[in-house]
Amino acid sequence: MQAVLYSQARNNLREIINKVCDNVEEFIITTKEKQSVVLISQEEYNSMKETLYLLSSKNNRDRLLNAVEEIESSSFLRKEVVL
């Protein structure tokens, strides 16, 4: 994660946007009053929102974590799909 001052971000906005979108980088942009924001791509933001939604329900969270454990321990059942 890179940190830049607001004036630097303003002067190099296109370059920063390209880095954020093309390289999945994040930027902290800080004003001289010490207020800060984080710039991330919309794709990354959407992914974070989806993850938060999927983990917001205890039942769903437990099922997802159980599925991850099964995959990591290779204890899942493989099935062949015939089309």
N, C-alpha and C. Protein backbone atom coordinates (compact mmCIF):
# COMPACT_ATOMS: atom_id res chain seq x y z
N MET A 1 0.86 -1.17 0.00
CA MET A 1 0.00 0.00 0.00
C MET A 1 0.91 1.23 0.00
N GLN A 2 0.62 2.12 -0.88
CA GLN A 2 1.41 3.34 -0.98
C GLN A 2 0.63 4.51 -0.38
N ALA A 3 1.37 5.44 0.20
CA ALA A 3 0.75 6.63 0.76
C ALA A 3 1.23 7.85 -0.01
N VAL A 4 0.28 8.72 -0.36
CA VAL A 4 0.62 9.96 -1.06
C VAL A 4 -0.20 11.10 -0.46
N LEU A 5 0.33 12.29 -0.60
CA LEU A 5 -0.42 13.47 -0.18
C LEU A 5 -1.46 13.80 -1.24
N TYR A 6 -2.50 14.48 -0.82
CA TYR A 6 -3.59 14.86 -1.72
C TYR A 6 -3.07 15.57 -2.97
N SER A 7 -2.15 16.52 -2.80
CA SER A 7 -1.63 17.28 -3.95
C SER A 7 -0.90 16.37 -4.93
N GLN A 8 -0.16 15.37 -4.41
CA GLN A 8 0.52 14.41 -5.29
C GLN A 8 -0.51 13.57 -6.04
N ALA A 9 -1.54 13.15 -5.34
CA ALA A 9 -2.59 12.34 -5.96
C ALA A 9 -3.31 13.14 -7.05
N ARG A 10 -3.61 14.37 -6.76
CA ARG A 10 -4.30 15.22 -7.73
C ARG A 10 -3.45 15.40 -8.99
N ASN A 11 -2.16 15.62 -8.80
CA ASN A 11 -1.27 15.85 -9.94
C ASN A 11 -0.96 14.58 -10.74
N ASN A 12 -1.17 13.42 -10.13
CA ASN A 12 -0.84 12.15 -10.79
C ASN A 12 -2.01 11.18 -10.79
N LEU A 13 -3.22 11.73 -10.86
CA LEU A 13 -4.41 10.91 -10.68
C LEU A 13 -4.50 9.78 -11.71
N ARG A 14 -4.27 10.06 -12.99
CA ARG A 14 -4.38 9.02 -14.02
C ARG A 14 -3.40 7.89 -13.73
N GLU A 15 -2.17 8.21 -13.38
CA GLU A 15 -1.15 7.21 -13.09
C GLU A 15 -1.54 6.35 -11.87
N ILE A 16 -2.06 7.02 -10.85
CA ILE A 16 -2.48 6.30 -9.65
C ILE A 16 -3.65 5.38 -9.96
N ILE A 17 -4.62 5.87 -10.71
CA ILE A 17 -5.77 5.03 -11.08
C ILE A 17 -5.30 3.82 -11.87
N ASN A 18 -4.38 4.01 -12.80
CA ASN A 18 -3.86 2.88 -13.57
C ASN A 18 -3.18 1.85 -12.67
N LYS A 19 -2.38 2.31 -11.72
CA LYS A 19 -1.72 1.39 -10.79
C LYS A 19 -2.74 0.63 -9.96
N VAL A 20 -3.75 1.34 -9.49
CA VAL A 20 -4.79 0.71 -8.67
C VAL A 20 -5.54 -0.35 -9.46
N CYS A 21 -5.92 -0.03 -10.68
CA CYS A 21 -6.73 -0.96 -11.47
C CYS A 21 -5.91 -2.07 -12.12
N ASP A 22 -4.73 -1.74 -12.62
CA ASP A 22 -3.94 -2.72 -13.35
C ASP A 22 -3.13 -3.64 -12.45
N ASN A 23 -2.68 -3.13 -11.30
CA ASN A 23 -1.78 -3.89 -10.44
C ASN A 23 -2.38 -4.25 -9.09
N VAL A 24 -3.66 -4.03 -8.94
CA VAL A 24 -4.37 -4.30 -7.68
C VAL A 24 -3.62 -3.68 -6.50
N GLU A 25 -3.22 -2.44 -6.66
CA GLU A 25 -2.56 -1.69 -5.60
C GLU A 25 -3.58 -0.85 -4.86
N GLU A 26 -3.24 -0.47 -3.63
CA GLU A 26 -4.06 0.46 -2.87
C GLU A 26 -3.22 1.69 -2.57
N PHE A 27 -3.89 2.82 -2.48
CA PHE A 27 -3.21 4.06 -2.13
C PHE A 27 -3.94 4.71 -0.97
N ILE A 28 -3.17 5.17 0.00
CA ILE A 28 -3.71 6.02 1.06
C ILE A 28 -3.44 7.45 0.63
N ILE A 29 -4.49 8.24 0.56
CA ILE A 29 -4.36 9.65 0.18
C ILE A 29 -4.69 10.48 1.41
N THR A 30 -3.75 11.34 1.80
CA THR A 30 -3.88 12.11 3.04
C THR A 30 -3.85 13.61 2.75
N THR A 31 -4.75 14.32 3.40
CA THR A 31 -4.77 15.78 3.27
C THR A 31 -3.81 16.38 4.30
N LYS A 32 -3.54 17.68 4.16
CA LYS A 32 -2.67 18.33 5.14
C LYS A 32 -3.33 18.43 6.51
N GLU A 33 -4.66 18.24 6.57
CA GLU A 33 -5.37 18.20 7.85
C GLU A 33 -5.37 16.80 8.45
N LYS A 34 -4.61 15.88 7.84
CA LYS A 34 -4.44 14.50 8.32
C LYS A 34 -5.69 13.64 8.15
N GLN A 35 -6.58 14.03 7.23
CA GLN A 35 -7.70 13.16 6.88
C GLN A 35 -7.20 12.21 5.79
N SER A 36 -7.60 10.95 5.86
CA SER A 36 -7.10 9.96 4.90
C SER A 36 -8.24 9.15 4.30
N VAL A 37 -8.02 8.74 3.07
CA VAL A 37 -8.92 7.82 2.38
C VAL A 37 -8.05 6.74 1.73
N VAL A 38 -8.68 5.63 1.42
CA VAL A 38 -7.98 4.56 0.72
C VAL A 38 -8.61 4.44 -0.66
N LEU A 39 -7.78 4.45 -1.69
CA LEU A 39 -8.25 4.30 -3.06
C LEU A 39 -8.01 2.86 -3.49
N ILE A 40 -9.10 2.18 -3.84
CA ILE A 40 -9.03 0.81 -4.35
C ILE A 40 -9.87 0.74 -5.62
N SER A 41 -9.65 -0.30 -6.41
CA SER A 41 -10.43 -0.45 -7.64
C SER A 41 -11.86 -0.85 -7.31
N GLN A 42 -12.75 -0.59 -8.24
CA GLN A 42 -14.15 -0.99 -8.03
C GLN A 42 -14.24 -2.50 -7.96
N GLU A 43 -13.44 -3.20 -8.74
CA GLU A 43 -13.44 -4.66 -8.71
C GLU A 43 -13.07 -5.17 -7.31
N GLU A 44 -12.04 -4.58 -6.72
CA GLU A 44 -11.63 -4.97 -5.37
C GLU A 44 -12.71 -4.62 -4.35
N TYR A 45 -13.31 -3.45 -4.49
CA TYR A 45 -14.39 -3.03 -3.59
C TYR A 45 -15.58 -4.00 -3.68
N ASN A 46 -15.97 -4.35 -4.91
CA ASN A 46 -17.09 -5.28 -5.10
C ASN A 46 -16.77 -6.64 -4.47
N SER A 47 -15.55 -7.09 -4.62
CA SER A 47 -15.13 -8.36 -4.03
C SER A 47 -15.22 -8.31 -2.51
N MET A 48 -14.76 -7.22 -1.92
CA MET A 48 -14.84 -7.07 -0.47
C MET A 48 -16.29 -7.05 0.01
N LYS A 49 -17.14 -6.32 -0.70
CA LYS A 49 -18.56 -6.27 -0.33
C LYS A 49 -19.21 -7.64 -0.41
N GLU A 50 -18.88 -8.40 -1.46
CA GLU A 50 -19.44 -9.74 -1.61
C GLU A 50 -18.97 -10.64 -0.47
N THR A 51 -17.70 -10.56 -0.14
CA THR A 51 -17.17 -11.37 0.96
C THR A 51 -17.87 -11.03 2.27
N LEU A 52 -18.03 -9.74 2.54
CA LEU A 52 -18.73 -9.33 3.76
C LEU A 52 -20.16 -9.85 3.78
N TYR A 53 -20.82 -9.80 2.63
CA TYR A 53 -22.19 -10.30 2.55
C TYR A 53 -22.23 -11.81 2.82
N LEU A 54 -21.32 -12.55 2.18
CA LEU A 54 -21.31 -14.00 2.34
C LEU A 54 -20.99 -14.41 3.78
N LEU A 55 -20.20 -13.62 4.47
CA LEU A 55 -19.83 -13.96 5.84
C LEU A 55 -20.75 -13.34 6.88
N SER A 56 -21.75 -12.57 6.45
CA SER A 56 -22.62 -11.86 7.40
C SER A 56 -23.60 -12.79 8.11
N SER A 57 -23.95 -13.90 7.51
CA SER A 57 -24.85 -14.86 8.12
C SER A 57 -24.02 -15.96 8.79
N LYS A 58 -24.33 -16.25 10.05
CA LYS A 58 -23.58 -17.28 10.78
C LYS A 58 -23.65 -18.62 10.07
N ASN A 59 -24.83 -19.02 9.61
CA ASN A 59 -24.98 -20.31 8.93
C ASN A 59 -24.14 -20.36 7.66
N ASN A 60 -24.22 -19.30 6.88
CA ASN A 60 -23.47 -19.25 5.63
C ASN A 60 -21.97 -19.24 5.90
N ARG A 61 -21.56 -18.45 6.90
CA ARG A 61 -20.14 -18.37 7.27
C ARG A 61 -19.63 -19.74 7.69
N ASP A 62 -20.40 -20.46 8.52
CA ASP A 62 -19.98 -21.78 8.98
C ASP A 62 -19.86 -22.76 7.82
N ARG A 63 -20.82 -22.73 6.89
CA ARG A 63 -20.77 -23.63 5.72
C ARG A 63 -19.57 -23.32 4.84
N LEU A 64 -19.29 -22.03 4.62
CA LEU A 64 -18.14 -21.65 3.79
C LEU A 64 -16.83 -22.05 4.44
N LEU A 65 -16.69 -21.80 5.74
CA LEU A 65 -15.46 -22.17 6.43
C LEU A 65 -15.27 -23.69 6.47
N ASN A 66 -16.36 -24.42 6.61
CA ASN A 66 -16.30 -25.88 6.58
C ASN A 66 -15.86 -26.36 5.19
N ALA A 67 -16.39 -25.75 4.15
CA ALA A 67 -16.00 -26.11 2.79
C ALA A 67 -14.52 -25.84 2.54
N VAL A 68 -14.02 -24.72 3.04
CA VAL A 68 -12.59 -24.41 2.90
C VAL A 68 -11.75 -25.45 3.63
N GLU A 69 -12.16 -25.83 4.83
CA GLU A 69 -11.44 -26.86 5.58
C GLU A 69 -11.42 -28.18 4.82
N GLU A 70 -12.54 -28.55 4.23
CA GLU A 70 -12.60 -29.80 3.46
C GLU A 70 -11.67 -29.76 2.26
N ILE A 71 -11.63 -28.65 1.57
CA ILE A 71 -10.75 -28.51 0.41
C ILE A 71 -9.29 -28.56 0.85
N GLU A 72 -8.94 -27.84 1.89
CA GLU A 72 -7.56 -27.81 2.36
C GLU A 72 -7.09 -29.16 2.86
N SER A 73 -7.97 -29.95 3.44
CA SER A 73 -7.59 -31.27 3.95
C SER A 73 -7.87 -32.38 2.93
N SER A 74 -8.33 -32.01 1.75
CA SER A 74 -8.67 -32.96 0.68
C SER A 74 -9.68 -34.02 1.14
N SER A 75 -10.60 -33.63 2.02
CA SER A 75 -11.59 -34.58 2.52
C SER A 75 -12.96 -34.37 1.87
N PHE A 76 -12.96 -33.81 0.69
CA PHE A 76 -14.22 -33.60 -0.02
C PHE A 76 -14.48 -34.74 -0.99
N LEU A 77 -15.71 -34.86 -1.42
CA LEU A 77 -16.11 -35.91 -2.33
C LEU A 77 -16.05 -35.40 -3.75
N ARG A 78 -15.28 -36.09 -4.59
CA ARG A 78 -15.18 -35.69 -6.00
C ARG A 78 -16.23 -36.44 -6.80
N LYS A 79 -16.88 -35.72 -7.69
CA LYS A 79 -17.88 -36.31 -8.56
C LYS A 79 -17.60 -35.90 -9.99
N GLU A 80 -17.76 -36.82 -10.90
CA GLU A 80 -17.55 -36.52 -12.30
C GLU A 80 -18.87 -36.01 -12.88
N VAL A 81 -18.78 -34.93 -13.62
CA VAL A 81 -19.97 -34.37 -14.24
C VAL A 81 -19.98 -34.81 -15.69
N VAL A 82 -21.06 -35.48 -16.09
CA VAL A 82 -21.19 -35.94 -17.47
C VAL A 82 -22.19 -35.05 -18.17
N LEU A 83 -21.76 -34.48 -19.29
CA LEU A 83 -22.66 -33.60 -20.03
C LEU A 83 -23.28 -34.31 -21.20
